[in-house]
Amino acid sequence: MNTKISDLLTLDDFKKLSDESIQEFHKKGHTLVQNVLSGDEIEAYRPVIVGAADRYNTEKRKLEDRDTYGKAFLQIMNLWQVDADVKKFVFAKRMAKIAADLMGVKNVRLYHDQALFKEAGGGPTPWHQDQYYWPIDTNNTVTMWMPLIDIDVDMGMLTFASNSYTTGAVFNHEISDESESAFDDYVQKKGFPISRAETMKAGDATWHRGFTIHNAPGNNSDKMREVMTVIYIADGARIAPYKNEWQKSDHHKWLMGKPIGGLIDSELNPKLL
């Protein structure tokens, strides 16, 4: 299917969230919202995102030659900068409004997008916290995780340790075998309930806070698990001092090296709502 940008359906109307979704997000640090995109909308945007991810993917090694992180997924970031069609998806007001409503704020900004494609036979994604990587002074962050095809648990369903976001950063670990072991012990010790959907339709989306501990099993199917994510931050957030080298890198890569303590409002972090 060849979809031109002029043919793409706009995603700027608003979807009212249920009180249950908002309450679940505040309590557990994650929630699943069904039908964020309709069947027609996902049919239009899927080839746009998949095509861009394929063009800009730089991972050329065989699966068996990669480390744990490399086996977990193909990761292609900030596709909105290089593809005008994908930009329409990433900048969509519909998803930005859901992010704002979940966080209880009026306006949100973009941190960055990333396609996360788990190949057939791809390995598990270890337990981790996204915000370990982010030099941001607020916990008011949320990641949207949307499959572009129907998926089930055999394909690497996102899995959450519910209620785990409230203490902020737990360990100084990047995504690795070390993080998997340390977080697994921590999650068991704390008794956090483990939650994941059995199935998700293309266009459904989970939403989780930056400090919610999560992982995903390997992809045991014969199909690529195609997922597009967008990370939102509350407008008014500021750049925090680095706590690790990854945050230093993110400061330059996603925040354009703006002064520490200053507002997150660079050209790469536009206000979406």
C-alpha atoms as a PDB file:
ATOM      1  CA  MET A   1       0.000   0.000   0.000  1.00  0.00           C
ATOM      2  CA  ASN A   2       1.470   3.354  -1.007  1.00  0.00           C
ATOM      3  CA  THR A   3       0.109   6.144   1.186  1.00  0.00           C
ATOM      4  CA  LYS A   4       0.948   9.729   0.370  1.00  0.00           C
ATOM      5  CA  ILE A   5       1.077  12.325   3.133  1.00  0.00           C
ATOM      6  CA  SER A   6      -1.906  14.099   1.598  1.00  0.00           C
ATOM      7  CA  ASP A   7      -3.916  10.867   1.935  1.00  0.00           C
ATOM      8  CA  LEU A   8      -3.074  10.242   5.588  1.00  0.00           C
ATOM      9  CA  LEU A   9      -5.928  10.626   8.009  1.00  0.00           C
ATOM     10  CA  THR A  10      -5.377  13.390  10.547  1.00  0.00           C
ATOM     11  CA  LEU A  11      -5.100  12.313  14.171  1.00  0.00           C
ATOM     12  CA  ASP A  12      -5.887  15.625  15.825  1.00  0.00           C
ATOM     13  CA  ASP A  13      -9.321  14.868  17.270  1.00  0.00           C
ATOM     14  CA  PHE A  14      -9.542  13.991  20.955  1.00  0.00           C
ATOM     15  CA  LYS A  15     -10.435  10.663  22.554  1.00  0.00           C
ATOM     16  CA  LYS A  16     -12.074  10.816  25.978  1.00  0.00           C
ATOM     17  CA  LEU A  17     -10.409   8.540  28.509  1.00  0.00           C
ATOM     18  CA  SER A  18     -12.396   6.600  31.046  1.00  0.00           C
ATOM     19  CA  ASP A  19     -11.984   7.478  34.714  1.00  0.00           C
ATOM     20  CA  GLU A  20     -10.837   3.885  35.218  1.00  0.00           C
ATOM     21  CA  SER A  21      -7.901   4.329  32.828  1.00  0.00           C
ATOM     22  CA  ILE A  22      -6.773   7.522  34.544  1.00  0.00           C
ATOM     23  CA  GLN A  23      -7.114   5.980  38.011  1.00  0.00           C
ATOM     24  CA  GLU A  24      -5.231   2.855  36.926  1.00  0.00           C
ATOM     25  CA  PHE A  25      -2.413   4.955  35.509  1.00  0.00           C
ATOM     26  CA  HIS A  26      -2.094   6.959  38.714  1.00  0.00           C
ATOM     27  CA  LYS A  27      -2.141   3.854  40.895  1.00  0.00           C
ATOM     28  CA  LYS A  28      -0.150   1.345  38.867  1.00  0.00           C
ATOM     29  CA  GLY A  29       1.971   3.610  36.670  1.00  0.00           C
ATOM     30  CA  HIS A  30       0.594   2.103  33.470  1.00  0.00           C
ATOM     31  CA  THR A  31      -2.647   1.505  31.590  1.00  0.00           C
ATOM     32  CA  LEU A  32      -3.859   0.095  28.287  1.00  0.00           C
ATOM     33  CA  VAL A  33      -6.125   2.181  26.053  1.00  0.00           C
ATOM     34  CA  GLN A  34      -7.859   0.328  23.238  1.00  0.00           C
ATOM     35  CA  ASN A  35      -8.560   1.704  19.763  1.00  0.00           C
ATOM     36  CA  VAL A  36      -6.345   4.768  20.007  1.00  0.00           C
ATOM     37  CA  LEU A  37      -6.159   4.413  16.225  1.00  0.00           C
ATOM     38  CA  SER A  38      -8.982   2.906  14.192  1.00  0.00           C
ATOM     39  CA  GLY A  39      -8.476   0.086  11.723  1.00  0.00           C
ATOM     40  CA  ASP A  40      -8.409   2.519   8.798  1.00  0.00           C
ATOM     41  CA  GLU A  41      -5.945   4.800  10.560  1.00  0.00           C
ATOM     42  CA  ILE A  42      -3.491   2.041  11.474  1.00  0.00           C
ATOM     43  CA  GLU A  43      -3.776   0.660   7.931  1.00  0.00           C
ATOM     44  CA  ALA A  44      -2.723   4.073   6.621  1.00  0.00           C
ATOM     45  CA  TYR A  45       0.093   4.770   9.080  1.00  0.00           C
ATOM     46  CA  ARG A  46       1.618   1.305   9.432  1.00  0.00           C
ATOM     47  CA  PRO A  47       3.353   1.243   6.012  1.00  0.00           C
ATOM     48  CA  VAL A  48       4.554   4.798   6.592  1.00  0.00           C
ATOM     49  CA  ILE A  49       6.241   3.906   9.903  1.00  0.00           C
ATOM     50  CA  VAL A  50       7.491   0.474   8.798  1.00  0.00           C
ATOM     51  CA  GLY A  51       8.947   1.946   5.616  1.00  0.00           C
ATOM     52  CA  ALA A  52      10.768   4.704   7.479  1.00  0.00           C
ATOM     53  CA  ALA A  53      12.072   2.287  10.115  1.00  0.00           C
ATOM     54  CA  ASP A  54      13.411   0.027   7.393  1.00  0.00           C
ATOM     55  CA  ARG A  55      15.122   2.883   5.557  1.00  0.00           C
ATOM     56  CA  TYR A  56      16.806   4.317   8.633  1.00  0.00           C
ATOM     57  CA  ASN A  57      17.651   1.134  10.527  1.00  0.00           C
ATOM     58  CA  THR A  58      21.429   0.943  10.969  1.00  0.00           C
ATOM     59  CA  GLU A  59      21.631  -2.505  12.628  1.00  0.00           C
ATOM     60  CA  LYS A  60      23.228  -4.832  10.078  1.00  0.00           C
ATOM     61  CA  ARG A  61      24.618  -7.569  12.353  1.00  0.00           C
ATOM     62  CA  LYS A  62      23.069 -11.015  12.490  1.00  0.00           C
ATOM     63  CA  LEU A  63      20.910 -11.618  15.551  1.00  0.00           C
ATOM     64  CA  GLU A  64      23.355 -14.158  16.995  1.00  0.00           C
ATOM     65  CA  ASP A  65      26.223 -11.644  16.819  1.00  0.00           C
ATOM     66  CA  ARG A  66      24.558  -9.073  19.089  1.00  0.00           C
ATOM     67  CA  ASP A  67      24.562  -8.595  22.866  1.00  0.00           C
ATOM     68  CA  THR A  68      21.421  -8.818  25.038  1.00  0.00           C
ATOM     69  CA  TYR A  69      20.363  -5.259  24.248  1.00  0.00           C
ATOM     70  CA  GLY A  70      20.955  -5.720  20.524  1.00  0.00           C
ATOM     71  CA  LYS A  71      18.941  -8.944  20.440  1.00  0.00           C
ATOM     72  CA  ALA A  72      15.991  -7.301  22.228  1.00  0.00           C
ATOM     73  CA  PHE A  73      14.835  -5.097  19.357  1.00  0.00           C
ATOM     74  CA  LEU A  74      15.716  -2.933  16.404  1.00  0.00           C
ATOM     75  CA  GLN A  75      15.592   0.643  17.717  1.00  0.00           C
ATOM     76  CA  ILE A  76      15.230   3.557  15.304  1.00  0.00           C
ATOM     77  CA  MET A  77      14.812   6.959  16.943  1.00  0.00           C
ATOM     78  CA  ASN A  78      13.334  10.324  16.003  1.00  0.00           C
ATOM     79  CA  LEU A  79      11.859   9.237  12.717  1.00  0.00           C
ATOM     80  CA  TRP A  80       9.801  12.439  12.758  1.00  0.00           C
ATOM     81  CA  GLN A  81      12.947  14.387  11.869  1.00  0.00           C
ATOM     82  CA  VAL A  82      13.585  12.460   8.662  1.00  0.00           C
ATOM     83  CA  ASP A  83      10.107  11.518   7.467  1.00  0.00           C
ATOM     84  CA  ALA A  84       7.281  14.035   7.091  1.00  0.00           C
ATOM     85  CA  ASP A  85       4.651  11.279   7.072  1.00  0.00           C
ATOM     86  CA  VAL A  86       5.836   9.834  10.391  1.00  0.00           C
ATOM     87  CA  LYS A  87       5.893  13.364  11.802  1.00  0.00           C
ATOM     88  CA  LYS A  88       2.115  13.536  11.386  1.00  0.00           C
ATOM     89  CA  PHE A  89       1.817  10.482  13.641  1.00  0.00           C
ATOM     90  CA  VAL A  90       4.335  11.630  16.258  1.00  0.00           C
ATOM     91  CA  PHE A  91       2.853  15.133  16.471  1.00  0.00           C
ATOM     92  CA  ALA A  92      -0.758  13.904  16.598  1.00  0.00           C
ATOM     93  CA  LYS A  93      -2.842  15.843  19.103  1.00  0.00           C
ATOM     94  CA  ARG A  94      -4.991  12.801  19.859  1.00  0.00           C
ATOM     95  CA  MET A  95      -2.137  10.906  21.499  1.00  0.00           C
ATOM     96  CA  ALA A  96      -0.671  14.042  23.070  1.00  0.00           C
ATOM     97  CA  LYS A  97      -4.030  14.750  24.744  1.00  0.00           C
ATOM     98  CA  ILE A  98      -4.191  11.211  26.134  1.00  0.00           C
ATOM     99  CA  ALA A  99      -0.689  11.696  27.579  1.00  0.00           C
ATOM    100  CA  ALA A 100      -1.701  15.043  29.096  1.00  0.00           C
ATOM    101  CA  ASP A 101      -4.912  13.647  30.585  1.00  0.00           C
ATOM    102  CA  LEU A 102      -3.088  10.689  32.125  1.00  0.00           C
ATOM    103  CA  MET A 103      -0.493  12.966  33.713  1.00  0.00           C
ATOM    104  CA  GLY A 104      -3.082  15.560  34.698  1.00  0.00           C
ATOM    105  CA  VAL A 105      -1.410  18.447  32.862  1.00  0.00           C
ATOM    106  CA  LYS A 106      -2.581  20.920  30.236  1.00  0.00           C
ATOM    107  CA  ASN A 107       0.329  20.742  27.773  1.00  0.00           C
ATOM    108  CA  VAL A 108       2.961  18.173  26.829  1.00  0.00           C
ATOM    109  CA  ARG A 109       6.194  18.246  24.848  1.00  0.00           C
ATOM    110  CA  LEU A 110       7.939  15.595  22.815  1.00  0.00           C
ATOM    111  CA  TYR A 111      11.043  13.945  24.252  1.00  0.00           C
ATOM    112  CA  HIS A 112      11.607  11.622  21.318  1.00  0.00           C
ATOM    113  CA  ASP A 113       9.999   8.844  19.320  1.00  0.00           C
ATOM    114  CA  GLN A 114      11.394   5.393  18.651  1.00  0.00           C
ATOM    115  CA  ALA A 115      10.366   2.425  16.567  1.00  0.00           C
ATOM    116  CA  LEU A 116      10.972  -0.774  18.544  1.00  0.00           C
ATOM    117  CA  PHE A 117      10.810  -3.736  16.205  1.00  0.00           C
ATOM    118  CA  LYS A 118      11.458  -7.122  17.832  1.00  0.00           C
ATOM    119  CA  GLU A 119      12.530  -9.575  15.166  1.00  0.00           C
ATOM    120  CA  ALA A 120      11.242 -13.135  14.890  1.00  0.00           C
ATOM    121  CA  GLY A 121      13.424 -15.042  17.324  1.00  0.00           C
ATOM    122  CA  GLY A 122      14.490 -11.810  19.005  1.00  0.00           C
ATOM    123  CA  GLY A 123      15.511 -12.001  22.642  1.00  0.00           C
ATOM    124  CA  PRO A 124      13.790 -10.659  25.742  1.00  0.00           C
ATOM    125  CA  THR A 125      13.955  -7.016  26.765  1.00  0.00           C
ATOM    126  CA  PRO A 126      15.377  -7.007  30.331  1.00  0.00           C
ATOM    127  CA  TRP A 127      13.679  -5.270  33.256  1.00  0.00           C
ATOM    128  CA  HIS A 128      14.502  -1.557  33.266  1.00  0.00           C
ATOM    129  CA  GLN A 129      13.254   1.963  33.946  1.00  0.00           C
ATOM    130  CA  ASP A 130      13.178   4.323  30.951  1.00  0.00           C
ATOM    131  CA  GLN A 131      13.831   7.460  32.966  1.00  0.00           C
ATOM    132  CA  TYR A 132      17.215   6.156  34.074  1.00  0.00           C
ATOM    133  CA  TYR A 133      18.384   7.613  30.730  1.00  0.00           C
ATOM    134  CA  TRP A 134      16.656  10.996  30.957  1.00  0.00           C
ATOM    135  CA  PRO A 135      18.084  14.181  32.576  1.00  0.00           C
ATOM    136  CA  ILE A 136      14.621  15.493  33.435  1.00  0.00           C
ATOM    137  CA  ASP A 137      13.569  17.118  36.724  1.00  0.00           C
ATOM    138  CA  THR A 138      10.017  15.738  36.803  1.00  0.00           C
ATOM    139  CA  ASN A 139       8.412  12.325  37.176  1.00  0.00           C
ATOM    140  CA  ASN A 140       5.592  13.557  34.942  1.00  0.00           C
ATOM    141  CA  THR A 141       6.641  11.588  31.869  1.00  0.00           C
ATOM    142  CA  VAL A 142       4.812   8.924  29.890  1.00  0.00           C
ATOM    143  CA  THR A 143       5.666   6.566  27.047  1.00  0.00           C
ATOM    144  CA  MET A 144       3.066   5.439  24.535  1.00  0.00           C
ATOM    145  CA  TRP A 145       3.759   1.906  23.199  1.00  0.00           C
ATOM    146  CA  MET A 146       1.601   1.061  20.171  1.00  0.00           C
ATOM    147  CA  PRO A 147       1.767  -2.166  18.138  1.00  0.00           C
ATOM    148  CA  LEU A 148       1.272  -1.671  14.421  1.00  0.00           C
ATOM    149  CA  ILE A 149       0.020  -5.254  13.995  1.00  0.00           C
ATOM    150  CA  ASP A 150      -2.046  -7.508  16.236  1.00  0.00           C
ATOM    151  CA  ILE A 151       0.236  -9.095  18.844  1.00  0.00           C
ATOM    152  CA  ASP A 152       0.040 -11.666  21.628  1.00  0.00           C
ATOM    153  CA  VAL A 153       2.295 -12.797  24.468  1.00  0.00           C
ATOM    154  CA  ASP A 154       4.384 -14.998  22.159  1.00  0.00           C
ATOM    155  CA  MET A 155       5.570 -11.911  20.268  1.00  0.00           C
ATOM    156  CA  GLY A 156       7.072  -9.966  23.188  1.00  0.00           C
ATOM    157  CA  MET A 157       4.230  -8.262  25.051  1.00  0.00           C
ATOM    158  CA  LEU A 158       5.221  -5.317  27.234  1.00  0.00           C
ATOM    159  CA  THR A 159       5.108  -6.437  30.876  1.00  0.00           C
ATOM    160  CA  PHE A 160       4.865  -4.152  33.910  1.00  0.00           C
ATOM    161  CA  ALA A 161       5.711  -4.318  37.592  1.00  0.00           C
ATOM    162  CA  SER A 162       2.618  -2.466  38.785  1.00  0.00           C
ATOM    163  CA  ASN A 163       3.037   0.269  41.432  1.00  0.00           C
ATOM    164  CA  SER A 164       6.822   0.282  40.936  1.00  0.00           C
ATOM    165  CA  TYR A 165       7.252   3.895  39.781  1.00  0.00           C
ATOM    166  CA  THR A 166       6.763   5.718  43.066  1.00  0.00           C
ATOM    167  CA  THR A 167      10.332   5.527  44.420  1.00  0.00           C
ATOM    168  CA  GLY A 168      12.015   6.938  41.303  1.00  0.00           C
ATOM    169  CA  ALA A 169      15.269   5.414  40.087  1.00  0.00           C
ATOM    170  CA  VAL A 170      15.993   2.125  41.845  1.00  0.00           C
ATOM    171  CA  PHE A 171      19.385   1.109  40.423  1.00  0.00           C
ATOM    172  CA  ASN A 172      22.140   2.705  38.391  1.00  0.00           C
ATOM    173  CA  HIS A 173      21.800   0.084  35.670  1.00  0.00           C
ATOM    174  CA  GLU A 174      21.305   0.421  31.929  1.00  0.00           C
ATOM    175  CA  ILE A 175      19.275  -2.231  30.077  1.00  0.00           C
ATOM    176  CA  SER A 176      21.403  -5.373  30.400  1.00  0.00           C
ATOM    177  CA  ASP A 177      21.638  -8.839  31.921  1.00  0.00           C
ATOM    178  CA  GLU A 178      22.711  -7.066  35.114  1.00  0.00           C
ATOM    179  CA  SER A 179      19.564  -4.926  35.170  1.00  0.00           C
ATOM    180  CA  GLU A 180      17.393  -8.001  34.558  1.00  0.00           C
ATOM    181  CA  SER A 181      18.870  -9.839  37.541  1.00  0.00           C
ATOM    182  CA  ALA A 182      18.847  -6.870  39.928  1.00  0.00           C
ATOM    183  CA  PHE A 183      15.334  -5.743  39.027  1.00  0.00           C
ATOM    184  CA  ASP A 184      13.986  -9.294  39.099  1.00  0.00           C
ATOM    185  CA  ASP A 185      15.172  -9.681  42.687  1.00  0.00           C
ATOM    186  CA  TYR A 186      13.815  -6.230  43.578  1.00  0.00           C
ATOM    187  CA  VAL A 187      10.400  -6.836  41.994  1.00  0.00           C
ATOM    188  CA  GLN A 188      10.032 -10.161  43.785  1.00  0.00           C
ATOM    189  CA  LYS A 189      11.166  -8.705  47.113  1.00  0.00           C
ATOM    190  CA  LYS A 190       8.695  -5.817  46.869  1.00  0.00           C
ATOM    191  CA  GLY A 191       5.885  -8.068  45.702  1.00  0.00           C
ATOM    192  CA  PHE A 192       4.855  -5.846  42.807  1.00  0.00           C
ATOM    193  CA  PRO A 193       2.034  -7.432  40.793  1.00  0.00           C
ATOM    194  CA  ILE A 194       3.136  -8.418  37.290  1.00  0.00           C
ATOM    195  CA  SER A 195       0.745  -7.229  34.597  1.00  0.00           C
ATOM    196  CA  ARG A 196       0.583  -7.644  30.836  1.00  0.00           C
ATOM    197  CA  ALA A 197      -2.107  -7.983  28.214  1.00  0.00           C
ATOM    198  CA  GLU A 198      -2.663 -11.359  26.589  1.00  0.00           C
ATOM    199  CA  THR A 199      -3.344  -9.689  23.252  1.00  0.00           C
ATOM    200  CA  MET A 200      -3.301  -6.190  21.760  1.00  0.00           C
ATOM    201  CA  LYS A 201      -4.875  -5.069  18.514  1.00  0.00           C
ATOM    202  CA  ALA A 202      -2.987  -2.853  16.098  1.00  0.00           C
ATOM    203  CA  GLY A 203      -3.791   0.702  17.195  1.00  0.00           C
ATOM    204  CA  ASP A 204      -4.229  -0.161  20.882  1.00  0.00           C
ATOM    205  CA  ALA A 205      -1.573   1.396  23.132  1.00  0.00           C
ATOM    206  CA  THR A 206      -0.125   0.990  26.579  1.00  0.00           C
ATOM    207  CA  TRP A 207       1.023   4.066  28.480  1.00  0.00           C
ATOM    208  CA  HIS A 208       3.593   3.924  31.277  1.00  0.00           C
ATOM    209  CA  ARG A 209       5.461   6.353  33.484  1.00  0.00           C
ATOM    210  CA  GLY A 210       9.182   6.832  33.021  1.00  0.00           C
ATOM    211  CA  PHE A 211      10.015   5.089  36.307  1.00  0.00           C
ATOM    212  CA  THR A 212       7.617   2.161  35.905  1.00  0.00           C
ATOM    213  CA  ILE A 213       9.713  -1.010  35.874  1.00  0.00           C
ATOM    214  CA  HIS A 214       8.949  -3.066  32.768  1.00  0.00           C
ATOM    215  CA  ASN A 215      10.292  -5.725  30.430  1.00  0.00           C
ATOM    216  CA  ALA A 216       9.178  -7.884  27.501  1.00  0.00           C
ATOM    217  CA  PRO A 217       9.726 -11.550  26.684  1.00  0.00           C
ATOM    218  CA  GLY A 218      11.361 -12.669  23.467  1.00  0.00           C
ATOM    219  CA  ASN A 219       9.540 -12.948  20.172  1.00  0.00           C
ATOM    220  CA  ASN A 220       8.792 -16.647  19.705  1.00  0.00           C
ATOM    221  CA  SER A 221       6.661 -16.090  16.615  1.00  0.00           C
ATOM    222  CA  ASP A 222       7.704 -16.049  12.969  1.00  0.00           C
ATOM    223  CA  LYS A 223       6.683 -12.391  12.518  1.00  0.00           C
ATOM    224  CA  MET A 224       8.309  -9.056  13.314  1.00  0.00           C
ATOM    225  CA  ARG A 225       6.761  -7.383  16.377  1.00  0.00           C
ATOM    226  CA  GLU A 226       6.271  -3.870  15.015  1.00  0.00           C
ATOM    227  CA  VAL A 227       5.828  -1.235  17.731  1.00  0.00           C
ATOM    228  CA  MET A 228       5.994   2.554  17.564  1.00  0.00           C
ATOM    229  CA  THR A 229       6.577   4.566  20.716  1.00  0.00           C
ATOM    230  CA  VAL A 230       6.395   8.246  21.593  1.00  0.00           C
ATOM    231  CA  ILE A 231       7.737   9.715  24.838  1.00  0.00           C
ATOM    232  CA  TYR A 232       5.927  12.734  26.264  1.00  0.00           C
ATOM    233  CA  ILE A 233       6.972  15.080  29.065  1.00  0.00           C
ATOM    234  CA  ALA A 234       4.903  17.658  30.904  1.00  0.00           C
ATOM    235  CA  ASP A 235       5.395  21.177  29.578  1.00  0.00           C
ATOM    236  CA  GLY A 236       7.437  23.197  32.061  1.00  0.00           C
ATOM    237  CA  ALA A 237       9.891  20.387  32.862  1.00  0.00           C
ATOM    238  CA  ARG A 238      13.528  21.392  33.245  1.00  0.00           C
ATOM    239  CA  ILE A 239      16.876  19.802  32.474  1.00  0.00           C
ATOM    240  CA  ALA A 240      18.316  18.050  35.530  1.00  0.00           C
ATOM    241  CA  PRO A 241      22.025  17.530  36.340  1.00  0.00           C
ATOM    242  CA  TYR A 242      23.422  14.271  34.986  1.00  0.00           C
ATOM    243  CA  LYS A 243      23.247  11.162  37.142  1.00  0.00           C
ATOM    244  CA  ASN A 244      25.066   8.932  34.655  1.00  0.00           C
ATOM    245  CA  GLU A 245      26.814   9.078  31.292  1.00  0.00           C
ATOM    246  CA  TRP A 246      23.641   8.077  29.451  1.00  0.00           C
ATOM    247  CA  GLN A 247      21.871  11.185  30.758  1.00  0.00           C
ATOM    248  CA  LYS A 248      24.803  13.284  29.614  1.00  0.00           C
ATOM    249  CA  SER A 249      24.435  11.792  26.145  1.00  0.00           C
ATOM    250  CA  ASP A 250      20.667  12.327  26.139  1.00  0.00           C
ATOM    251  CA  HIS A 251      21.181  15.963  27.147  1.00  0.00           C
ATOM    252  CA  HIS A 252      23.133  16.616  23.968  1.00  0.00           C
ATOM    253  CA  LYS A 253      21.185  14.282  21.693  1.00  0.00           C
ATOM    254  CA  TRP A 254      17.564  15.022  22.594  1.00  0.00           C
ATOM    255  CA  LEU A 255      17.729  18.349  24.463  1.00  0.00           C
ATOM    256  CA  MET A 256      20.270  20.054  22.183  1.00  0.00           C
ATOM    257  CA  GLY A 257      22.664  20.775  25.052  1.00  0.00           C
ATOM    258  CA  LYS A 258      20.520  23.525  26.524  1.00  0.00           C
ATOM    259  CA  PRO A 259      21.613  24.798  29.980  1.00  0.00           C
ATOM    260  CA  ILE A 260      21.091  22.523  32.959  1.00  0.00           C
ATOM    261  CA  GLY A 261      18.253  23.941  35.011  1.00  0.00           C
ATOM    262  CA  GLY A 262      16.676  25.509  31.932  1.00  0.00           C
ATOM    263  CA  LEU A 263      13.321  24.660  30.445  1.00  0.00           C
ATOM    264  CA  ILE A 264      13.029  21.723  28.077  1.00  0.00           C
ATOM    265  CA  ASP A 265      11.881  23.675  25.042  1.00  0.00           C
ATOM    266  CA  SER A 266      14.399  23.072  22.270  1.00  0.00           C
ATOM    267  CA  GLU A 267      13.514  22.599  18.611  1.00  0.00           C
ATOM    268  CA  LEU A 268      13.618  18.841  19.245  1.00  0.00           C
ATOM    269  CA  ASN A 269      11.082  19.146  22.081  1.00  0.00           C
ATOM    270  CA  PRO A 270       8.113  20.946  20.522  1.00  0.00           C
ATOM    271  CA  LYS A 271       4.904  21.541  22.414  1.00  0.00           C
ATOM    272  CA  LEU A 272       2.371  19.079  21.029  1.00  0.00           C
ATOM    273  CA  LEU A 273      -0.704  20.361  22.797  1.00  0.00           C
END
